[in-house]
C-alpha atoms as a PDB file:
ATOM      1  CA  MET A   1     136.206  74.102  73.349  1.00  0.00           C
ATOM      2  CA  LYS A   2     133.782  73.809  70.430  1.00  0.00           C
ATOM      3  CA  GLN A   3     131.067  72.741  72.859  1.00  0.00           C
ATOM      4  CA  ASN A   4     131.636  75.866  75.012  1.00  0.00           C
ATOM      5  CA  ASN A   5     131.378  78.080  71.920  1.00  0.00           C
ATOM      6  CA  LEU A   6     128.153  76.352  70.907  1.00  0.00           C
ATOM      7  CA  ILE A   7     126.643  76.790  74.378  1.00  0.00           C
ATOM      8  CA  THR A   8     127.706  80.449  74.438  1.00  0.00           C
ATOM      9  CA  ALA A   9     126.118  81.012  71.023  1.00  0.00           C
ATOM     10  CA  ILE A  10     122.853  79.351  72.105  1.00  0.00           C
ATOM     11  CA  VAL A  11     122.726  81.432  75.299  1.00  0.00           C
ATOM     12  CA  CYS A  12     123.380  84.652  73.344  1.00  0.00           C
ATOM     13  CA  ILE A  13     120.682  83.869  70.784  1.00  0.00           C
ATOM     14  CA  THR A  14     118.202  82.995  73.551  1.00  0.00           C
ATOM     15  CA  LEU A  15     118.950  86.224  75.411  1.00  0.00           C
ATOM     16  CA  PHE A  16     118.529  88.208  72.193  1.00  0.00           C
ATOM     17  CA  PHE A  17     115.049  86.757  71.621  1.00  0.00           C
ATOM     18  CA  VAL A  18     114.027  87.308  75.255  1.00  0.00           C
ATOM     19  CA  TYR A  19     115.242  90.922  75.097  1.00  0.00           C
ATOM     20  CA  ASP A  20     113.558  91.512  71.742  1.00  0.00           C
ATOM     21  CA  ASN A  21     110.265  90.075  73.027  1.00  0.00           C
ATOM     22  CA  CYS A  22     110.365  92.256  76.169  1.00  0.00           C
ATOM     23  CA  ARG A  23     111.137  95.322  74.067  1.00  0.00           C
ATOM     24  CA  ALA A  24     108.227  94.501  71.732  1.00  0.00           C
ATOM     25  CA  GLN A  25     105.834  94.284  74.686  1.00  0.00           C
ATOM     26  CA  VAL A  26     106.911  97.690  75.980  1.00  0.00           C
ATOM     27  CA  ASN A  27     106.639  99.262  72.525  1.00  0.00           C
ATOM     28  CA  SER A  28     103.195  97.739  71.890  1.00  0.00           C
ATOM     29  CA  THR A  29     101.537 100.055  74.422  1.00  0.00           C
ATOM     30  CA  PRO A  30     102.035 103.525  72.924  1.00  0.00           C
ATOM     31  CA  GLY A  31      98.303 104.272  73.211  1.00  0.00           C
ATOM     32  CA  LEU A  32      98.058 103.759  76.982  1.00  0.00           C
ATOM     33  CA  PRO A  33      98.532 107.454  77.845  1.00  0.00           C
ATOM     34  CA  GLY A  34      95.516 108.200  75.624  1.00  0.00           C
ATOM     35  CA  VAL A  35      93.534 105.392  77.243  1.00  0.00           C
ATOM     36  CA  LYS A  36      94.465 106.674  80.709  1.00  0.00           C
ATOM     37  CA  LYS A  37      93.244 110.156  79.777  1.00  0.00           C
ATOM     38  CA  ALA A  38      89.963 108.727  78.428  1.00  0.00           C
ATOM     39  CA  ILE A  39      89.453 106.756  81.651  1.00  0.00           C
ATOM     40  CA  GLU A  40      90.211 109.829  83.774  1.00  0.00           C
ATOM     41  CA  ASN A  41      87.555 111.752  81.810  1.00  0.00           C
ATOM     42  CA  ILE A  42      85.016 108.952  82.258  1.00  0.00           C
ATOM     43  CA  ASN A  43      85.811 108.774  85.983  1.00  0.00           C
ATOM     44  CA  THR A  44      85.200 112.537  86.267  1.00  0.00           C
ATOM     45  CA  LEU A  45      81.828 112.054  84.571  1.00  0.00           C
ATOM     46  CA  TYR A  46      81.142 109.175  86.985  1.00  0.00           C
ATOM     47  CA  PHE A  47      81.805 111.491  89.969  1.00  0.00           C
ATOM     48  CA  ASP A  48      79.446 114.127  88.573  1.00  0.00           C
ATOM     49  CA  LEU A  49      76.648 111.672  87.769  1.00  0.00           C
ATOM     50  CA  PHE A  50      76.967 110.006  91.169  1.00  0.00           C
ATOM     51  CA  ALA A  51      76.807 113.360  92.988  1.00  0.00           C
ATOM     52  CA  LYS A  52      73.602 114.189  91.079  1.00  0.00           C
ATOM     53  CA  ASN A  53      72.030 110.757  91.769  1.00  0.00           C
ATOM     54  CA  ASP A  54      71.837 110.389  87.998  1.00  0.00           C
ATOM     55  CA  GLU A  55      70.969 106.814  87.086  1.00  0.00           C
ATOM     56  CA  SER A  56      72.407 107.296  83.593  1.00  0.00           C
ATOM     57  CA  ILE A  57      75.673 106.427  85.334  1.00  0.00           C
ATOM     58  CA  VAL A  58      74.970 102.830  84.236  1.00  0.00           C
ATOM     59  CA  ASN A  59      75.701 103.882  80.646  1.00  0.00           C
ATOM     60  CA  LEU A  60      79.366 104.066  81.649  1.00  0.00           C
ATOM     61  CA  TYR A  61      79.218 100.259  81.973  1.00  0.00           C
ATOM     62  CA  THR A  62      78.962  97.642  79.219  1.00  0.00           C
ATOM     63  CA  GLU A  63      75.614  95.858  78.789  1.00  0.00           C
ATOM     64  CA  ASP A  64      77.157  92.729  80.315  1.00  0.00           C
ATOM     65  CA  ALA A  65      79.104  94.504  83.058  1.00  0.00           C
ATOM     66  CA  CYS A  66      79.575  92.952  86.463  1.00  0.00           C
ATOM     67  CA  LEU A  67      80.082  94.762  89.776  1.00  0.00           C
ATOM     68  CA  LEU A  68      82.062  92.657  92.239  1.00  0.00           C
ATOM     69  CA  ALA A  69      81.519  94.368  95.580  1.00  0.00           C
ATOM     70  CA  PRO A  70      82.670  92.896  98.902  1.00  0.00           C
ATOM     71  CA  ASN A  71      80.352  90.736 100.999  1.00  0.00           C
ATOM     72  CA  MET A  72      77.687  90.359  98.338  1.00  0.00           C
ATOM     73  CA  LEU A  73      76.870  88.409  95.211  1.00  0.00           C
ATOM     74  CA  PRO A  74      78.011  89.818  91.851  1.00  0.00           C
ATOM     75  CA  ILE A  75      75.705  92.407  90.287  1.00  0.00           C
ATOM     76  CA  SER A  76      75.541  91.454  86.620  1.00  0.00           C
ATOM     77  CA  GLY A  77      74.147  93.428  83.697  1.00  0.00           C
ATOM     78  CA  ARG A  78      72.961  97.005  83.309  1.00  0.00           C
ATOM     79  CA  LYS A  79      69.459  96.259  84.610  1.00  0.00           C
ATOM     80  CA  ALA A  80      70.861  94.927  87.898  1.00  0.00           C
ATOM     81  CA  LEU A  81      73.316  97.835  88.065  1.00  0.00           C
ATOM     82  CA  GLN A  82      70.442 100.281  87.507  1.00  0.00           C
ATOM     83  CA  LYS A  83      68.636  98.813  90.528  1.00  0.00           C
ATOM     84  CA  ASP A  84      71.792  98.875  92.651  1.00  0.00           C
ATOM     85  CA  PHE A  85      72.468 102.540  91.864  1.00  0.00           C
ATOM     86  CA  ALA A  86      68.780 103.437  92.397  1.00  0.00           C
ATOM     87  CA  ASP A  87      68.859 101.721  95.815  1.00  0.00           C
ATOM     88  CA  THR A  88      72.116 103.466  96.741  1.00  0.00           C
ATOM     89  CA  PHE A  89      70.780 106.870  95.694  1.00  0.00           C
ATOM     90  CA  ALA A  90      67.444 106.292  97.498  1.00  0.00           C
ATOM     91  CA  ALA A  91      69.221 105.356 100.739  1.00  0.00           C
ATOM     92  CA  GLY A  92      70.842 108.811 100.746  1.00  0.00           C
ATOM     93  CA  LYS A  93      73.832 107.739 102.828  1.00  0.00           C
ATOM     94  CA  VAL A  94      76.454 108.175 100.095  1.00  0.00           C
ATOM     95  CA  LYS A  95      76.707 111.373  98.095  1.00  0.00           C
ATOM     96  CA  GLY A  96      80.152 111.335  96.557  1.00  0.00           C
ATOM     97  CA  VAL A  97      82.871 109.044  95.274  1.00  0.00           C
ATOM     98  CA  ARG A  98      86.431 109.619  94.123  1.00  0.00           C
ATOM     99  CA  PHE A  99      88.830 107.350  92.250  1.00  0.00           C
ATOM    100  CA  GLN A 100      92.557 107.871  91.963  1.00  0.00           C
ATOM    101  CA  THR A 101      94.064 105.859  89.131  1.00  0.00           C
ATOM    102  CA  SER A 102      97.533 104.560  89.955  1.00  0.00           C
ATOM    103  CA  ASN A 103      98.155 102.266  86.960  1.00  0.00           C
ATOM    104  CA  ILE A 104      96.697 101.205  83.633  1.00  0.00           C
ATOM    105  CA  TYR A 105      97.702  97.790  82.280  1.00  0.00           C
ATOM    106  CA  GLY A 106      97.076  96.211  78.901  1.00  0.00           C
ATOM    107  CA  ASP A 107      97.644  96.735  75.224  1.00  0.00           C
ATOM    108  CA  GLY A 108      95.053  99.497  74.827  1.00  0.00           C
ATOM    109  CA  LYS A 109      93.374  97.721  71.932  1.00  0.00           C
ATOM    110  CA  GLU A 110      90.356  95.901  73.359  1.00  0.00           C
ATOM    111  CA  TYR A 111      90.765  95.651  77.146  1.00  0.00           C
ATOM    112  CA  VAL A 112      92.730  97.479  79.813  1.00  0.00           C
ATOM    113  CA  THR A 113      92.842  97.126  83.578  1.00  0.00           C
ATOM    114  CA  GLU A 114      92.745 100.172  85.829  1.00  0.00           C
ATOM    115  CA  GLU A 115      94.213  99.933  89.326  1.00  0.00           C
ATOM    116  CA  GLY A 116      93.646 102.590  91.936  1.00  0.00           C
ATOM    117  CA  THR A 117      92.184 103.777  95.199  1.00  0.00           C
ATOM    118  CA  TRP A 118      88.686 105.025  95.995  1.00  0.00           C
ATOM    119  CA  GLN A 119      86.906 107.116  98.606  1.00  0.00           C
ATOM    120  CA  VAL A 120      83.205 107.372  99.477  1.00  0.00           C
ATOM    121  CA  PHE A 121      81.672 110.455 101.132  1.00  0.00           C
ATOM    122  CA  ASP A 122      78.420 111.161 102.971  1.00  0.00           C
ATOM    123  CA  PRO A 123      76.092 114.067 102.005  1.00  0.00           C
ATOM    124  CA  LYS A 124      78.113 116.430 104.248  1.00  0.00           C
ATOM    125  CA  GLY A 125      81.402 115.493 102.556  1.00  0.00           C
ATOM    126  CA  LYS A 126      82.666 113.333 105.428  1.00  0.00           C
ATOM    127  CA  LEU A 127      84.780 110.342 104.407  1.00  0.00           C
ATOM    128  CA  LEU A 128      82.801 107.137 105.013  1.00  0.00           C
ATOM    129  CA  ASP A 129      85.190 104.546 103.614  1.00  0.00           C
ATOM    130  CA  ASP A 130      88.199 104.119 101.370  1.00  0.00           C
ATOM    131  CA  GLY A 131      89.949 101.263  99.644  1.00  0.00           C
ATOM    132  CA  LYS A 132      91.406  99.954  96.432  1.00  0.00           C
ATOM    133  CA  TYR A 133      89.956  98.737  93.161  1.00  0.00           C
ATOM    134  CA  LEU A 134      90.567  97.022  89.862  1.00  0.00           C
ATOM    135  CA  LYS A 135      88.390  97.855  86.872  1.00  0.00           C
ATOM    136  CA  LEU A 136      88.509  95.965  83.612  1.00  0.00           C
ATOM    137  CA  TRP A 137      87.597  98.299  80.753  1.00  0.00           C
ATOM    138  CA  ARG A 138      86.437  97.159  77.329  1.00  0.00           C
ATOM    139  CA  LYS A 139      86.692  99.259  74.193  1.00  0.00           C
ATOM    140  CA  THR A 140      83.301  99.483  72.476  1.00  0.00           C
ATOM    141  CA  LYS A 141      81.956 101.366  69.460  1.00  0.00           C
ATOM    142  CA  ALA A 142      80.886 104.058  71.942  1.00  0.00           C
ATOM    143  CA  GLY A 143      84.326 104.246  73.578  1.00  0.00           C
ATOM    144  CA  TRP A 144      85.767 102.751  76.750  1.00  0.00           C
ATOM    145  CA  LYS A 145      83.214 101.182  79.118  1.00  0.00           C
ATOM    146  CA  ILE A 146      83.541  99.481  82.500  1.00  0.00           C
ATOM    147  CA  PHE A 147      83.263  95.712  81.963  1.00  0.00           C
ATOM    148  CA  ARG A 148      84.221  94.464  85.447  1.00  0.00           C
ATOM    149  CA  ASP A 149      84.354  96.586  88.596  1.00  0.00           C
ATOM    150  CA  SER A 150      85.905  95.033  91.706  1.00  0.00           C
ATOM    151  CA  PHE A 151      86.712  96.853  94.918  1.00  0.00           C
ATOM    152  CA  ASN A 152      87.257  96.379  98.633  1.00  0.00           C
ATOM    153  CA  SER A 153      87.771  98.468 101.731  1.00  0.00           C
ATOM    154  CA  ASN A 154      90.999  99.201 103.532  1.00  0.00           C
ATOM    155  CA  HIS A 155      89.116  98.642 106.804  1.00  0.00           C
ATOM    156  CA  LYS A 156      87.784  95.556 108.560  1.00  0.00           C
ATOM    157  CA  ALA A 157      84.036  94.986 108.342  1.00  0.00           C
ATOM    158  CA  GLN A 158      82.246  95.988 111.534  1.00  0.00           C
END
């Protein structure tokens, strides 16, 4: 009987600590709504800069950012990103992008991960492709910046 009481007490104490730890994790993210709003604002700026072929779009990325696009090597650093955006703008095939954030994960202190869907449009506004993405954001002295940008299409490569 004493052994059953001891086991019951140990189980109860363990469950208390598990519950308390889970509750602490949920309560440690009160700033995420503010982070989500900041990211939405930066994404809106991204759309505007992209539509204008404005190469200052790279300033939305950290200096050591990395773009992880499908079927190509990683594009690392702002200089490489600058060239990639310049090439994309010069090609003239893509004129607009849209992101729809579905979730933000993290503690909101130094890094957060954004999950969502994207669309790419041609100069006439016709949908060219769509898919999903994960972006890792890093908080810098200048605010939230894209640190890692990974995406892929919902469609098979042709």
